[in-house]
C-alpha atoms as a PDB file:
ATOM      1  CA  MET A   1     -14.873 -30.039 -30.614  1.00  0.00           C
ATOM      2  CA  SER A   2     -15.006 -27.179 -33.071  1.00  0.00           C
ATOM      3  CA  MET A   3     -12.034 -24.938 -33.804  1.00  0.00           C
ATOM      4  CA  GLU A   4     -13.845 -21.961 -32.232  1.00  0.00           C
ATOM      5  CA  MET A   5     -14.348 -23.860 -28.964  1.00  0.00           C
ATOM      6  CA  LYS A   6     -10.670 -24.892 -28.878  1.00  0.00           C
ATOM      7  CA  VAL A   7      -9.564 -21.302 -29.424  1.00  0.00           C
ATOM      8  CA  SER A   8     -11.982 -20.105 -26.735  1.00  0.00           C
ATOM      9  CA  LEU A   9     -10.721 -22.683 -24.203  1.00  0.00           C
ATOM     10  CA  ALA A  10      -7.101 -21.851 -24.985  1.00  0.00           C
ATOM     11  CA  SER A  11      -7.871 -18.154 -24.672  1.00  0.00           C
ATOM     12  CA  ARG A  12      -9.541 -18.630 -21.268  1.00  0.00           C
ATOM     13  CA  LYS A  13      -6.672 -20.818 -20.068  1.00  0.00           C
ATOM     14  CA  GLY A  14      -4.202 -18.157 -21.184  1.00  0.00           C
ATOM     15  CA  PHE A  15      -6.164 -15.440 -19.428  1.00  0.00           C
ATOM     16  CA  MET A  16      -6.326 -17.492 -16.227  1.00  0.00           C
ATOM     17  CA  THR A  17      -2.576 -18.093 -16.373  1.00  0.00           C
ATOM     18  CA  GLY A  18      -1.959 -14.369 -16.837  1.00  0.00           C
ATOM     19  CA  TYR A  19      -4.394 -13.490 -14.045  1.00  0.00           C
ATOM     20  CA  LEU A  20      -2.684 -15.835 -11.576  1.00  0.00           C
ATOM     21  CA  GLU A  21       0.718 -14.525 -12.616  1.00  0.00           C
ATOM     22  CA  SER A  22      -0.418 -10.930 -12.031  1.00  0.00           C
ATOM     23  CA  LEU A  23      -1.769 -11.847  -8.565  1.00  0.00           C
ATOM     24  CA  ALA A  24       1.550 -13.423  -7.615  1.00  0.00           C
ATOM     25  CA  LEU A  25       3.407 -10.411  -8.974  1.00  0.00           C
ATOM     26  CA  VAL A  26       1.331  -7.933  -6.941  1.00  0.00           C
ATOM     27  CA  GLU A  27       2.031  -9.958  -3.811  1.00  0.00           C
ATOM     28  CA  ARG A  28       5.784 -10.172  -4.579  1.00  0.00           C
ATOM     29  CA  LEU A  29       5.945  -6.447  -5.362  1.00  0.00           C
ATOM     30  CA  HIS A  30       4.378  -5.570  -2.010  1.00  0.00           C
ATOM     31  CA  ARG A  31       6.879  -7.744  -0.132  1.00  0.00           C
ATOM     32  CA  LEU A  32       9.703  -6.276  -2.213  1.00  0.00           C
ATOM     33  CA  LEU A  33       8.501  -2.741  -1.451  1.00  0.00           C
ATOM     34  CA  LEU A  34       8.711  -3.517   2.253  1.00  0.00           C
ATOM     35  CA  ASP A  35      12.258  -4.878   1.763  1.00  0.00           C
ATOM     36  CA  VAL A  36      13.250  -1.717  -0.137  1.00  0.00           C
ATOM     37  CA  ILE A  37      11.920   0.477   2.685  1.00  0.00           C
ATOM     38  CA  LYS A  38      13.673  -1.708   5.293  1.00  0.00           C
ATOM     39  CA  ASP A  39      16.973  -1.384   3.419  1.00  0.00           C
ATOM     40  CA  GLU A  40      16.552   2.399   3.210  1.00  0.00           C
ATOM     41  CA  PHE A  41      15.878   2.577   6.942  1.00  0.00           C
ATOM     42  CA  GLU A  42      19.046   0.569   7.609  1.00  0.00           C
ATOM     43  CA  ARG A  43      21.012   2.837   5.234  1.00  0.00           C
ATOM     44  CA  VAL A  44      19.942   6.020   7.047  1.00  0.00           C
ATOM     45  CA  GLY A  45      20.093   4.503  10.552  1.00  0.00           C
ATOM     46  CA  VAL A  46      16.368   4.178  11.310  1.00  0.00           C
ATOM     47  CA  LEU A  47      16.328   0.915  13.226  1.00  0.00           C
ATOM     48  CA  GLU A  48      13.490   1.225  15.734  1.00  0.00           C
ATOM     49  CA  ILE A  49      10.555   0.953  13.327  1.00  0.00           C
ATOM     50  CA  ASN A  50       9.758  -1.555  10.626  1.00  0.00           C
ATOM     51  CA  ALA A  51       8.847  -1.044   6.982  1.00  0.00           C
ATOM     52  CA  VAL A  52       5.102  -1.530   7.557  1.00  0.00           C
ATOM     53  CA  GLN A  53       5.178   1.199  10.204  1.00  0.00           C
ATOM     54  CA  GLY A  54       7.184   3.475   7.904  1.00  0.00           C
ATOM     55  CA  LEU A  55       4.686   2.962   5.098  1.00  0.00           C
ATOM     56  CA  LEU A  56       1.867   3.683   7.544  1.00  0.00           C
ATOM     57  CA  LEU A  57       3.512   7.005   8.484  1.00  0.00           C
ATOM     58  CA  PHE A  58       3.939   7.830   4.796  1.00  0.00           C
ATOM     59  CA  ASN A  59       0.289   7.059   4.024  1.00  0.00           C
ATOM     60  CA  ILE A  60      -1.015   9.129   6.928  1.00  0.00           C
ATOM     61  CA  GLY A  61       1.144  12.080   5.883  1.00  0.00           C
ATOM     62  CA  ASP A  62      -0.214  15.397   7.131  1.00  0.00           C
ATOM     63  CA  ASN A  63      -3.688  14.004   7.847  1.00  0.00           C
ATOM     64  CA  GLU A  64      -5.346  13.344  11.167  1.00  0.00           C
ATOM     65  CA  VAL A  65      -7.101   9.981  10.948  1.00  0.00           C
ATOM     66  CA  THR A  66      -8.654   7.118  12.883  1.00  0.00           C
ATOM     67  CA  ALA A  67      -7.686   3.474  12.511  1.00  0.00           C
ATOM     68  CA  GLY A  68     -11.115   2.904  10.977  1.00  0.00           C
ATOM     69  CA  GLU A  69     -10.435   5.505   8.288  1.00  0.00           C
ATOM     70  CA  LEU A  70      -7.164   3.792   7.372  1.00  0.00           C
ATOM     71  CA  LYS A  71      -8.975   0.454   7.144  1.00  0.00           C
ATOM     72  CA  SER A  72     -11.831   1.910   5.089  1.00  0.00           C
ATOM     73  CA  ARG A  73      -9.343   3.448   2.651  1.00  0.00           C
ATOM     74  CA  GLY A  74      -8.058  -0.069   2.128  1.00  0.00           C
ATOM     75  CA  TYR A  75      -4.521   0.541   3.379  1.00  0.00           C
ATOM     76  CA  TYR A  76      -4.461  -1.926   6.270  1.00  0.00           C
ATOM     77  CA  GLN A  77      -6.243  -4.780   7.969  1.00  0.00           C
ATOM     78  CA  GLY A  78      -7.806  -4.286  11.401  1.00  0.00           C
ATOM     79  CA  SER A  79      -5.449  -5.842  13.939  1.00  0.00           C
ATOM     80  CA  ASN A  80      -2.412  -4.896  11.863  1.00  0.00           C
ATOM     81  CA  VAL A  81      -3.221  -1.177  11.821  1.00  0.00           C
ATOM     82  CA  SER A  82      -4.293  -1.034  15.476  1.00  0.00           C
ATOM     83  CA  TYR A  83      -1.112  -2.770  16.641  1.00  0.00           C
ATOM     84  CA  ASN A  84       1.166  -0.584  14.527  1.00  0.00           C
ATOM     85  CA  LEU A  85      -0.598   2.663  15.470  1.00  0.00           C
ATOM     86  CA  LYS A  86      -0.196   1.794  19.158  1.00  0.00           C
ATOM     87  CA  LYS A  87       3.498   1.015  18.670  1.00  0.00           C
ATOM     88  CA  LEU A  88       4.056   4.272  16.766  1.00  0.00           C
ATOM     89  CA  VAL A  89       2.299   6.267  19.495  1.00  0.00           C
ATOM     90  CA  ASP A  90       4.343   4.495  22.200  1.00  0.00           C
ATOM     91  CA  MET A  91       7.600   5.256  20.322  1.00  0.00           C
ATOM     92  CA  GLY A  92       6.692   8.936  19.858  1.00  0.00           C
ATOM     93  CA  TYR A  93       6.088   8.936  16.092  1.00  0.00           C
ATOM     94  CA  MET A  94       2.395   9.746  16.446  1.00  0.00           C
ATOM     95  CA  HIS A  95       0.095  11.785  18.680  1.00  0.00           C
ATOM     96  CA  HIS A  96      -3.256  10.322  19.638  1.00  0.00           C
ATOM     97  CA  GLN A  97      -6.365  11.972  20.989  1.00  0.00           C
ATOM     98  CA  ARG A  98      -9.860  10.727  21.754  1.00  0.00           C
ATOM     99  CA  CYS A  99     -12.554  12.090  19.460  1.00  0.00           C
ATOM    100  CA  GLU A 100     -14.860  14.592  21.111  1.00  0.00           C
ATOM    101  CA  VAL A 101     -17.926  13.178  19.329  1.00  0.00           C
ATOM    102  CA  ASP A 102     -17.219   9.433  19.636  1.00  0.00           C
ATOM    103  CA  ARG A 103     -15.134   8.786  22.759  1.00  0.00           C
ATOM    104  CA  ARG A 104     -14.422   5.212  21.581  1.00  0.00           C
ATOM    105  CA  SER A 105     -12.571   6.533  18.549  1.00  0.00           C
ATOM    106  CA  VAL A 106      -8.980   7.786  18.661  1.00  0.00           C
ATOM    107  CA  ARG A 107      -7.568  10.210  16.101  1.00  0.00           C
ATOM    108  CA  VAL A 108      -3.857  10.071  15.291  1.00  0.00           C
ATOM    109  CA  ARG A 109      -1.425  12.393  13.539  1.00  0.00           C
ATOM    110  CA  LEU A 110       2.329  12.403  13.044  1.00  0.00           C
ATOM    111  CA  THR A 111       4.737  13.997  15.479  1.00  0.00           C
ATOM    112  CA  GLN A 112       7.855  15.760  14.206  1.00  0.00           C
ATOM    113  CA  GLU A 113       9.689  12.422  14.467  1.00  0.00           C
ATOM    114  CA  GLY A 114       6.937  10.755  12.459  1.00  0.00           C
ATOM    115  CA  ARG A 115       7.149  13.443   9.772  1.00  0.00           C
ATOM    116  CA  GLU A 116      10.899  12.845   9.525  1.00  0.00           C
ATOM    117  CA  ILE A 117      10.303   9.131   8.839  1.00  0.00           C
ATOM    118  CA  ARG A 118       7.553  10.029   6.351  1.00  0.00           C
ATOM    119  CA  ASP A 119      10.080  12.259   4.599  1.00  0.00           C
ATOM    120  CA  VAL A 120      12.658   9.436   4.401  1.00  0.00           C
ATOM    121  CA  VAL A 121      10.076   7.238   2.654  1.00  0.00           C
ATOM    122  CA  ALA A 122       8.921  10.104   0.400  1.00  0.00           C
ATOM    123  CA  GLN A 123      12.513  10.823  -0.665  1.00  0.00           C
ATOM    124  CA  LEU A 124      13.039   7.124  -1.405  1.00  0.00           C
ATOM    125  CA  PHE A 125       9.920   7.046  -3.599  1.00  0.00           C
ATOM    126  CA  THR A 126      10.990  10.252  -5.363  1.00  0.00           C
ATOM    127  CA  ARG A 127      14.431   8.776  -6.151  1.00  0.00           C
ATOM    128  CA  HIS A 128      12.845   5.601  -7.453  1.00  0.00           C
ATOM    129  CA  ALA A 129      10.319   7.437  -9.619  1.00  0.00           C
ATOM    130  CA  GLU A 130      13.098   9.538 -11.131  1.00  0.00           C
ATOM    131  CA  GLY A 131      15.282   6.467 -11.695  1.00  0.00           C
ATOM    132  CA  LEU A 132      12.479   4.486 -13.334  1.00  0.00           C
ATOM    133  CA  GLU A 133      11.764   7.341 -15.705  1.00  0.00           C
ATOM    134  CA  GLN A 134      15.381   8.283 -16.468  1.00  0.00           C
ATOM    135  CA  LYS A 135      16.409   4.698 -17.174  1.00  0.00           C
ATOM    136  CA  GLY A 136      13.357   4.110 -19.345  1.00  0.00           C
ATOM    137  CA  VAL A 137      12.084   1.277 -17.155  1.00  0.00           C
ATOM    138  CA  ILE A 138       8.561   2.644 -17.510  1.00  0.00           C
ATOM    139  CA  THR A 139       6.996   5.738 -19.037  1.00  0.00           C
ATOM    140  CA  ALA A 140       4.349   8.036 -17.587  1.00  0.00           C
ATOM    141  CA  ALA A 141       1.840   6.411 -19.952  1.00  0.00           C
ATOM    142  CA  GLY A 142       2.897   2.973 -18.711  1.00  0.00           C
ATOM    143  CA  ILE A 143       2.335   4.036 -15.097  1.00  0.00           C
ATOM    144  CA  GLU A 144      -1.118   5.329 -16.062  1.00  0.00           C
ATOM    145  CA  ASP A 145      -1.938   2.013 -17.770  1.00  0.00           C
ATOM    146  CA  ILE A 146      -0.829  -0.044 -14.760  1.00  0.00           C
ATOM    147  CA  THR A 147      -2.666   2.193 -12.305  1.00  0.00           C
ATOM    148  CA  GLY A 148      -5.832   2.119 -14.395  1.00  0.00           C
ATOM    149  CA  ALA A 149      -5.785  -1.667 -14.662  1.00  0.00           C
ATOM    150  CA  LEU A 150      -5.146  -2.098 -10.923  1.00  0.00           C
ATOM    151  CA  LYS A 151      -7.970   0.322 -10.060  1.00  0.00           C
ATOM    152  CA  ARG A 152     -10.356  -1.658 -12.264  1.00  0.00           C
ATOM    153  CA  MET A 153      -9.321  -4.890 -10.507  1.00  0.00           C
ATOM    154  CA  GLU A 154      -9.759  -3.202  -7.128  1.00  0.00           C
ATOM    155  CA  ARG A 155     -13.283  -2.088  -8.090  1.00  0.00           C
ATOM    156  CA  TYR A 156     -14.133  -5.567  -9.362  1.00  0.00           C
ATOM    157  CA  TRP A 157     -12.903  -7.248  -6.165  1.00  0.00           C
ATOM    158  CA  SER A 158     -14.668  -4.675  -3.971  1.00  0.00           C
ATOM    159  CA  ASP A 159     -17.896  -5.335  -5.843  1.00  0.00           C
ATOM    160  CA  GLN A 160     -17.445  -9.073  -5.305  1.00  0.00           C
ATOM    161  CA  ILE A 161     -17.136  -8.579  -1.555  1.00  0.00           C
ATOM    162  CA  ARG A 162     -20.141  -6.263  -1.383  1.00  0.00           C
ATOM    163  CA  TYR A 163     -22.498  -8.323  -3.518  1.00  0.00           C
ATOM    164  CA  ILE A 164     -21.574 -11.909  -2.681  1.00  0.00           C
ATOM    165  CA  TYR A 165     -22.034 -11.730   1.077  1.00  0.00           C
END
């Protein structure tokens, strides 16, 4: 085997190792984010909703959306979002209303209680962003690099789903 082939194989193996490590890290970071939100809810006395539901309220924000729109934006999987939206409506964190055009579709928006939870999560994220920057954990340029790389991976994966099946 030539030296070029050995270097190429080693390079591919190194890339694969890095790729798998980044996949595991993304998964761990998501679970850790949910733990951070859960801890914040416990700290401020929000005990009736879970971290996934809190993140859902944060992502909806001031918008009025359908479950399908949340799924198409890539935030949540089907049964997960439907279950959590129903729970949030039942607990009074969201309003729901049937669409006039498509009676099968339900539009949801936050109640005042839902906006208060959204604000708890937003304040948490603001504190963390400030802390990351102040302590030099990551710079604005570093955040841009990470976000750009993750968006490129998201596009690549989306293309794989669209064109393979």
